[in-house]
PDB file of N, CA and C in Angstrom:
ATOM      1  N   MET A   1     178.031 196.605 186.343  1.00  0.00           N
ATOM      2  CA  MET A   1     177.507 197.417 187.363  1.00  0.00           C
ATOM      3  C   MET A   1     178.795 197.480 188.495  1.00  0.00           C
ATOM      4  N   THR A   2     179.271 198.369 189.080  1.00  0.00           N
ATOM      5  CA  THR A   2     180.392 198.477 189.951  1.00  0.00           C
ATOM      6  C   THR A   2     179.828 197.912 191.420  1.00  0.00           C
ATOM      7  N   GLU A   3     180.328 197.912 192.474  1.00  0.00           N
ATOM      8  CA  GLU A   3     180.500 197.791 193.735  1.00  0.00           C
ATOM      9  C   GLU A   3     179.878 198.372 194.565  1.00  0.00           C
ATOM     10  N   ALA A   4     180.236 200.020 194.039  1.00  0.00           N
ATOM     11  CA  ALA A   4     179.430 201.038 194.973  1.00  0.00           C
ATOM     12  C   ALA A   4     177.931 201.306 194.352  1.00  0.00           C
ATOM     13  N   ASN A   5     177.210 200.629 193.609  1.00  0.00           N
ATOM     14  CA  ASN A   5     175.644 200.965 192.983  1.00  0.00           C
ATOM     15  C   ASN A   5     175.210 199.861 193.169  1.00  0.00           C
ATOM     16  N   ASN A   6     175.499 198.988 193.492  1.00  0.00           N
ATOM     17  CA  ASN A   6     175.104 197.417 193.817  1.00  0.00           C
ATOM     18  C   ASN A   6     173.245 197.776 193.682  1.00  0.00           C
ATOM     19  N   ASN A   7     173.197 198.897 194.611  1.00  0.00           N
ATOM     20  CA  ASN A   7     171.409 199.175 194.541  1.00  0.00           C
ATOM     21  C   ASN A   7     170.709 199.460 193.455  1.00  0.00           C
ATOM     22  N   GLN A   8     171.309 200.106 192.804  1.00  0.00           N
ATOM     23  CA  GLN A   8     171.124 200.672 191.730  1.00  0.00           C
ATOM     24  C   GLN A   8     170.509 199.666 190.410  1.00  0.00           C
ATOM     25  N   PRO A   9     169.374 200.521 189.557  1.00  0.00           N
ATOM     26  CA  PRO A   9     168.725 199.216 188.355  1.00  0.00           C
ATOM     27  C   PRO A   9     170.025 199.044 187.492  1.00  0.00           C
ATOM     28  N   ALA A  10     170.117 197.997 187.063  1.00  0.00           N
ATOM     29  CA  ALA A  10     170.798 197.990 185.747  1.00  0.00           C
ATOM     30  C   ALA A  10     170.707 198.876 184.615  1.00  0.00           C
ATOM     31  N   THR A  11     172.086 199.449 184.095  1.00  0.00           N
ATOM     32  CA  THR A  11     171.886 200.194 183.117  1.00  0.00           C
ATOM     33  C   THR A  11     171.862 199.415 181.435  1.00  0.00           C
ATOM     34  N   LYS A  12     171.647 199.880 180.421  1.00  0.00           N
ATOM     35  CA  LYS A  12     171.682 199.202 179.713  1.00  0.00           C
ATOM     36  C   LYS A  12     172.814 198.932 179.167  1.00  0.00           C
ATOM     37  N   ASP A  13     174.140 199.461 179.643  1.00  0.00           N
ATOM     38  CA  ASP A  13     175.595 199.293 179.082  1.00  0.00           C
ATOM     39  C   ASP A  13     175.911 197.959 180.116  1.00  0.00           C
ATOM     40  N   ASP A  14     175.364 197.860 181.283  1.00  0.00           N
ATOM     41  CA  ASP A  14     175.292 196.626 182.179  1.00  0.00           C
ATOM     42  C   ASP A  14     174.634 195.703 181.370  1.00  0.00           C
ATOM     43  N   LEU A  15     173.481 195.781 180.831  1.00  0.00           N
ATOM     44  CA  LEU A  15     173.040 194.470 180.610  1.00  0.00           C
ATOM     45  C   LEU A  15     173.635 193.832 179.212  1.00  0.00           C
ATOM     46  N   ALA A  16     174.428 194.967 178.377  1.00  0.00           N
ATOM     47  CA  ALA A  16     174.866 194.841 177.301  1.00  0.00           C
ATOM     48  C   ALA A  16     175.877 194.005 177.462  1.00  0.00           C
ATOM     49  N   ASP A  17     176.979 194.625 178.470  1.00  0.00           N
ATOM     50  CA  ASP A  17     178.181 193.805 178.871  1.00  0.00           C
ATOM     51  C   ASP A  17     177.665 191.944 179.306  1.00  0.00           C
ATOM     52  N   LEU A  18     176.697 192.070 180.017  1.00  0.00           N
ATOM     53  CA  LEU A  18     176.519 191.119 180.445  1.00  0.00           C
ATOM     54  C   LEU A  18     176.285 189.893 179.588  1.00  0.00           C
ATOM     55  N   ARG A  19     175.360 190.514 178.108  1.00  0.00           N
ATOM     56  CA  ARG A  19     174.907 189.813 177.545  1.00  0.00           C
ATOM     57  C   ARG A  19     176.173 189.331 176.194  1.00  0.00           C
ATOM     58  N   THR A  20     176.951 190.226 176.232  1.00  0.00           N
ATOM     59  CA  THR A  20     178.252 190.113 175.578  1.00  0.00           C
ATOM     60  C   THR A  20     179.072 188.754 175.985  1.00  0.00           C
ATOM     61  N   ASN A  21     179.196 188.597 177.244  1.00  0.00           N
ATOM     62  CA  ASN A  21     179.836 187.652 178.165  1.00  0.00           C
ATOM     63  C   ASN A  21     179.153 186.581 177.841  1.00  0.00           C
ATOM     64  N   PHE A  22     177.533 186.484 178.179  1.00  0.00           N
ATOM     65  CA  PHE A  22     176.963 184.871 178.382  1.00  0.00           C
ATOM     66  C   PHE A  22     176.867 184.548 176.594  1.00  0.00           C
ATOM     67  N   GLU A  23     176.692 185.752 175.756  1.00  0.00           N
ATOM     68  CA  GLU A  23     177.036 184.672 174.100  1.00  0.00           C
ATOM     69  C   GLU A  23     178.502 184.397 173.876  1.00  0.00           C
ATOM     70  N   ASN A  24     179.531 185.035 174.905  1.00  0.00           N
ATOM     71  CA  ASN A  24     180.876 184.449 174.265  1.00  0.00           C
ATOM     72  C   ASN A  24     180.930 182.932 174.913  1.00  0.00           C
ATOM     73  N   ASP A  25     180.245 183.093 175.957  1.00  0.00           N
ATOM     74  CA  ASP A  25     180.475 181.852 177.038  1.00  0.00           C
ATOM     75  C   ASP A  25     179.659 180.585 176.095  1.00  0.00           C
ATOM     76  N   PHE A  26     178.377 181.183 175.797  1.00  0.00           N
ATOM     77  CA  PHE A  26     177.516 179.848 175.019  1.00  0.00           C
ATOM     78  C   PHE A  26     178.132 179.362 173.964  1.00  0.00           C
ATOM     79  N   MET A  27     178.933 180.344 172.872  1.00  0.00           N
ATOM     80  CA  MET A  27     179.549 179.854 171.668  1.00  0.00           C
ATOM     81  C   MET A  27     180.637 179.379 171.743  1.00  0.00           C
ATOM     82  N   GLU A  28     181.335 179.595 172.945  1.00  0.00           N
ATOM     83  CA  GLU A  28     182.447 178.667 173.104  1.00  0.00           C
ATOM     84  C   GLU A  28     181.929 177.518 173.736  1.00  0.00           C
ATOM     85  N   GLU A  29     181.022 176.962 174.369  1.00  0.00           N
ATOM     86  CA  GLU A  29     179.965 175.750 174.777  1.00  0.00           C
ATOM     87  C   GLU A  29     179.901 175.324 173.675  1.00  0.00           C
ATOM     88  N   LEU A  30     179.243 176.020 172.781  1.00  0.00           N
ATOM     89  CA  LEU A  30     178.759 175.149 171.520  1.00  0.00           C
ATOM     90  C   LEU A  30     179.850 174.261 170.691  1.00  0.00           C
ATOM     91  N   ARG A  31     180.708 175.144 170.573  1.00  0.00           N
ATOM     92  CA  ARG A  31     182.131 174.767 170.011  1.00  0.00           C
ATOM     93  C   ARG A  31     182.562 173.987 170.495  1.00  0.00           C
ATOM     94  N   SER A  32     182.749 173.679 171.772  1.00  0.00           N
ATOM     95  CA  SER A  32     183.181 172.182 172.938  1.00  0.00           C
ATOM     96  C   SER A  32     181.982 171.481 172.405  1.00  0.00           C
ATOM     97  N   ILE A  33     180.993 171.427 172.386  1.00  0.00           N
ATOM     98  CA  ILE A  33     179.722 170.167 171.978  1.00  0.00           C
ATOM     99  C   ILE A  33     180.122 169.530 170.599  1.00  0.00           C
ATOM    100  N   LYS A  34     180.324 170.930 169.814  1.00  0.00           N
ATOM    101  CA  LYS A  34     180.229 170.549 168.140  1.00  0.00           C
ATOM    102  C   LYS A  34     181.822 169.468 167.976  1.00  0.00           C
ATOM    103  N   SER A  35     182.516 169.898 168.467  1.00  0.00           N
ATOM    104  CA  SER A  35     184.094 169.005 168.445  1.00  0.00           C
ATOM    105  C   SER A  35     184.137 167.588 169.014  1.00  0.00           C
ATOM    106  N   ALA A  36     183.387 167.943 170.177  1.00  0.00           N
ATOM    107  CA  ALA A  36     183.136 166.632 170.620  1.00  0.00           C
ATOM    108  C   ALA A  36     182.258 165.423 170.072  1.00  0.00           C
ATOM    109  N   LEU A  37     181.175 165.882 169.532  1.00  0.00           N
ATOM    110  CA  LEU A  37     180.395 165.376 168.650  1.00  0.00           C
ATOM    111  C   LEU A  37     181.070 164.948 167.348  1.00  0.00           C
ATOM    112  N   LEU A  38     181.696 165.636 166.814  1.00  0.00           N
ATOM    113  CA  LEU A  38     182.536 165.131 165.673  1.00  0.00           C
ATOM    114  C   LEU A  38     183.155 164.332 165.997  1.00  0.00           C
ATOM    115  N   SER A  39     184.440 164.346 166.881  1.00  0.00           N
ATOM    116  CA  SER A  39     185.372 163.293 167.481  1.00  0.00           C
ATOM    117  C   SER A  39     184.624 161.910 167.483  1.00  0.00           C
ATOM    118  N   ALA A  40     183.776 161.603 168.034  1.00  0.00           N
ATOM    119  CA  ALA A  40     182.821 160.961 168.354  1.00  0.00           C
ATOM    120  C   ALA A  40     182.258 160.201 166.818  1.00  0.00           C
ATOM    121  N   PHE A  41     181.725 161.252 166.144  1.00  0.00           N
ATOM    122  CA  PHE A  41     181.495 160.879 164.772  1.00  0.00           C
ATOM    123  C   PHE A  41     181.997 160.058 164.157  1.00  0.00           C
ATOM    124  N   GLU A  42     183.715 160.725 164.074  1.00  0.00           N
ATOM    125  CA  GLU A  42     184.637 160.209 163.351  1.00  0.00           C
ATOM    126  C   GLU A  42     185.336 158.814 163.954  1.00  0.00           C
ATOM    127  N   ALA A  43     185.191 158.787 165.162  1.00  0.00           N
ATOM    128  CA  ALA A  43     185.685 157.514 165.574  1.00  0.00           C
ATOM    129  C   ALA A  43     184.756 156.323 165.315  1.00  0.00           C
ATOM    130  N   SER A  44     183.679 156.601 165.276  1.00  0.00           N
ATOM    131  CA  SER A  44     182.277 155.176 164.865  1.00  0.00           C
ATOM    132  C   SER A  44     182.443 154.850 163.491  1.00  0.00           C
ATOM    133  N   VAL A  45     183.091 156.097 162.606  1.00  0.00           N
ATOM    134  CA  VAL A  45     182.727 155.874 161.273  1.00  0.00           C
ATOM    135  C   VAL A  45     184.545 155.031 161.015  1.00  0.00           C
ATOM    136  N   MET A  46     185.171 155.295 161.754  1.00  0.00           N
ATOM    137  CA  MET A  46     186.449 154.213 161.862  1.00  0.00           C
ATOM    138  C   MET A  46     186.361 152.858 161.935  1.00  0.00           C
ATOM    139  N   LYS A  47     185.745 153.071 162.659  1.00  0.00           N
ATOM    140  CA  LYS A  47     185.167 151.456 163.621  1.00  0.00           C
ATOM    141  C   LYS A  47     184.362 150.710 162.583  1.00  0.00           C
ATOM    142  N   GLY A  48     183.772 151.354 161.988  1.00  0.00           N
ATOM    143  CA  GLY A  48     182.840 150.859 160.923  1.00  0.00           C
ATOM    144  C   GLY A  48     183.288 150.486 159.657  1.00  0.00           C
ATOM    145  N   GLN A  49     184.150 151.522 159.399  1.00  0.00           N
ATOM    146  CA  GLN A  49     185.243 150.809 158.044  1.00  0.00           C
ATOM    147  C   GLN A  49     186.419 149.677 158.516  1.00  0.00           C
ATOM    148  N   MET A  50     186.839 149.607 160.006  1.00  0.00           N
ATOM    149  CA  MET A  50     187.861 148.873 159.937  1.00  0.00           C
ATOM    150  C   MET A  50     186.888 147.308 160.281  1.00  0.00           C
ATOM    151  N   TYR A  51     185.548 147.510 161.010  1.00  0.00           N
ATOM    152  CA  TYR A  51     184.454 146.372 160.632  1.00  0.00           C
ATOM    153  C   TYR A  51     184.345 145.840 159.468  1.00  0.00           C
ATOM    154  N   THR A  52     184.230 146.609 158.559  1.00  0.00           N
ATOM    155  CA  THR A  52     184.029 146.616 157.062  1.00  0.00           C
ATOM    156  C   THR A  52     185.014 145.572 156.823  1.00  0.00           C
ATOM    157  N   GLN A  53     186.298 146.112 156.696  1.00  0.00           N
ATOM    158  CA  GLN A  53     187.710 145.512 156.154  1.00  0.00           C
ATOM    159  C   GLN A  53     187.740 144.033 157.100  1.00  0.00           C
ATOM    160  N   LYS A  54     187.366 143.906 158.122  1.00  0.00           N
ATOM    161  CA  LYS A  54     187.261 142.662 158.504  1.00  0.00           C
ATOM    162  C   LYS A  54     186.357 141.759 158.336  1.00  0.00           C
ATOM    163  N   ALA A  55     185.133 141.836 157.990  1.00  0.00           N
ATOM    164  CA  ALA A  55     184.324 141.052 157.451  1.00  0.00           C
ATOM    165  C   ALA A  55     184.590 140.611 156.215  1.00  0.00           C
ATOM    166  N   VAL A  56     185.152 141.416 155.305  1.00  0.00           N
ATOM    167  CA  VAL A  56     185.598 140.802 154.117  1.00  0.00           C
ATOM    168  C   VAL A  56     186.496 139.887 154.112  1.00  0.00           C
ATOM    169  N   THR A  57     187.557 140.374 154.716  1.00  0.00           N
ATOM    170  CA  THR A  57     188.648 139.644 155.035  1.00  0.00           C
ATOM    171  C   THR A  57     188.425 138.172 155.367  1.00  0.00           C
ATOM    172  N   HIS A  58     187.525 137.904 156.655  1.00  0.00           N
ATOM    173  CA  HIS A  58     187.188 136.895 157.190  1.00  0.00           C
ATOM    174  C   HIS A  58     186.282 135.966 156.385  1.00  0.00           C
ATOM    175  N   GLY A  59     185.393 136.460 155.557  1.00  0.00           N
ATOM    176  CA  GLY A  59     184.678 136.362 154.627  1.00  0.00           C
ATOM    177  C   GLY A  59     185.496 135.095 153.495  1.00  0.00           C
ATOM    178  N   ASP A  60     186.610 135.718 152.580  1.00  0.00           N
ATOM    179  CA  ASP A  60     187.470 135.013 151.985  1.00  0.00           C
ATOM    180  C   ASP A  60     188.442 134.192 153.013  1.00  0.00           C
ATOM    181  N   ILE A  61     188.919 134.158 154.018  1.00  0.00           N
ATOM    182  CA  ILE A  61     188.990 132.870 154.762  1.00  0.00           C
ATOM    183  C   ILE A  61     188.295 131.816 154.929  1.00  0.00           C
ATOM    184  N   LEU A  62     186.967 132.216 155.302  1.00  0.00           N
ATOM    185  CA  LEU A  62     185.922 131.137 155.241  1.00  0.00           C
ATOM    186  C   LEU A  62     185.647 130.775 154.036  1.00  0.00           C
ATOM    187  N   SER A  63     185.612 131.564 153.126  1.00  0.00           N
ATOM    188  CA  SER A  63     185.498 130.743 151.616  1.00  0.00           C
ATOM    189  C   SER A  63     186.556 129.764 151.535  1.00  0.00           C
ATOM    190  N   GLY A  64     187.860 130.157 151.527  1.00  0.00           N
ATOM    191  CA  GLY A  64     189.075 129.494 151.125  1.00  0.00           C
ATOM    192  C   GLY A  64     188.649 127.886 152.114  1.00  0.00           C
ATOM    193  N   HIS A  65     188.366 127.902 153.063  1.00  0.00           N
ATOM    194  CA  HIS A  65     188.203 126.682 154.249  1.00  0.00           C
ATOM    195  C   HIS A  65     187.282 125.955 153.611  1.00  0.00           C
ATOM    196  N   GLU A  66     186.235 126.476 153.262  1.00  0.00           N
ATOM    197  CA  GLU A  66     184.874 125.920 152.655  1.00  0.00           C
ATOM    198  C   GLU A  66     185.299 125.309 151.314  1.00  0.00           C
ATOM    199  N   GLU A  67     185.991 125.975 150.384  1.00  0.00           N
ATOM    200  CA  GLU A  67     186.842 125.073 149.420  1.00  0.00           C
ATOM    201  C   GLU A  67     187.291 123.971 149.577  1.00  0.00           C
ATOM    202  N   LYS A  68     188.209 123.930 150.706  1.00  0.00           N
ATOM    203  CA  LYS A  68     189.204 122.884 150.773  1.00  0.00           C
ATOM    204  C   LYS A  68     188.717 121.807 151.343  1.00  0.00           C
ATOM    205  N   LEU A  69     187.332 122.032 152.376  1.00  0.00           N
ATOM    206  CA  LEU A  69     186.565 121.135 152.735  1.00  0.00           C
ATOM    207  C   LEU A  69     185.577 120.225 152.190  1.00  0.00           C
ATOM    208  N   LEU A  70     185.329 120.899 150.766  1.00  0.00           N
ATOM    209  CA  LEU A  70     184.544 120.421 150.042  1.00  0.00           C
ATOM    210  C   LEU A  70     185.201 119.528 149.434  1.00  0.00           C
ATOM    211  N   ASN A  71     186.538 119.631 148.895  1.00  0.00           N
ATOM    212  CA  ASN A  71     187.358 119.146 148.095  1.00  0.00           C
ATOM    213  C   ASN A  71     188.385 118.218 148.627  1.00  0.00           C
ATOM    214  N   HIS A  72     187.778 117.712 150.241  1.00  0.00           N
ATOM    215  CA  HIS A  72     188.757 117.027 150.398  1.00  0.00           C
ATOM    216  C   HIS A  72     188.711 115.838 150.348  1.00  0.00           C
ATOM    217  N   GLU A  73     187.903 115.071 150.002  1.00  0.00           N
ATOM    218  CA  GLU A  73     188.116 113.606 149.666  1.00  0.00           C
ATOM    219  C   GLU A  73     188.659 113.800 148.144  1.00  0.00           C
ATOM    220  N   THR A  74     188.499 114.476 147.415  1.00  0.00           N
ATOM    221  CA  THR A  74     189.272 114.749 145.815  1.00  0.00           C
ATOM    222  C   THR A  74     190.515 114.703 145.902  1.00  0.00           C
ATOM    223  N   ARG A  75     191.450 115.633 146.780  1.00  0.00           N
ATOM    224  CA  ARG A  75     192.672 115.622 147.337  1.00  0.00           C
ATOM    225  C   ARG A  75     193.035 114.628 147.908  1.00  0.00           C
ATOM    226  N   LEU A  76     192.289 113.728 148.725  1.00  0.00           N
ATOM    227  CA  LEU A  76     192.770 112.617 149.513  1.00  0.00           C
ATOM    228  C   LEU A  76     193.340 111.594 148.495  1.00  0.00           C
ATOM    229  N   ALA A  77     191.951 111.414 147.641  1.00  0.00           N
ATOM    230  CA  ALA A  77     191.929 110.234 146.386  1.00  0.00           C
ATOM    231  C   ALA A  77     193.010 110.399 145.616  1.00  0.00           C
ATOM    232  N   SER A  78     193.560 112.052 145.435  1.00  0.00           N
ATOM    233  CA  SER A  78     194.775 112.173 144.427  1.00  0.00           C
ATOM    234  C   SER A  78     196.057 111.608 145.576  1.00  0.00           C
ATOM    235  N   LEU A  79     196.297 112.133 146.263  1.00  0.00           N
ATOM    236  CA  LEU A  79     197.256 111.592 147.300  1.00  0.00           C
ATOM    237  C   LEU A  79     197.593 110.416 147.385  1.00  0.00           C
ATOM    238  N   GLU A  80     196.294 109.657 147.904  1.00  0.00           N
ATOM    239  CA  GLU A  80     196.586 108.097 148.204  1.00  0.00           C
ATOM    240  C   GLU A  80     197.098 107.422 146.604  1.00  0.00           C
ATOM    241  N   SER A  81     196.612 107.599 145.390  1.00  0.00           N
ATOM    242  CA  SER A  81     196.763 107.263 144.302  1.00  0.00           C
ATOM    243  C   SER A  81     198.509 107.453 144.130  1.00  0.00           C
ATOM    244  N   LYS A  82     198.907 108.647 144.593  1.00  0.00           N
ATOM    245  CA  LYS A  82     200.704 108.875 144.351  1.00  0.00           C
ATOM    246  C   LYS A  82     201.511 107.435 145.002  1.00  0.00           C
TER     247      LYS A  82
END
């Protein structure tokens, strides 16, 4: 609709133009939301993988310490006999 005929009813062409602009804006907003969601999902997956790797590493470290503590008396006895 032009400025000169604001008091006139909208034509089918006016509505089609409006609909096209609305659809374009809507699709762009959906793409933006999809991109943000995918980024957040990827970041959380990466954090989960890092946590899993750290948990395995820390588990190995704790197992090593546990073995040393359990064999502490044996190691001390072997050192004292030397």
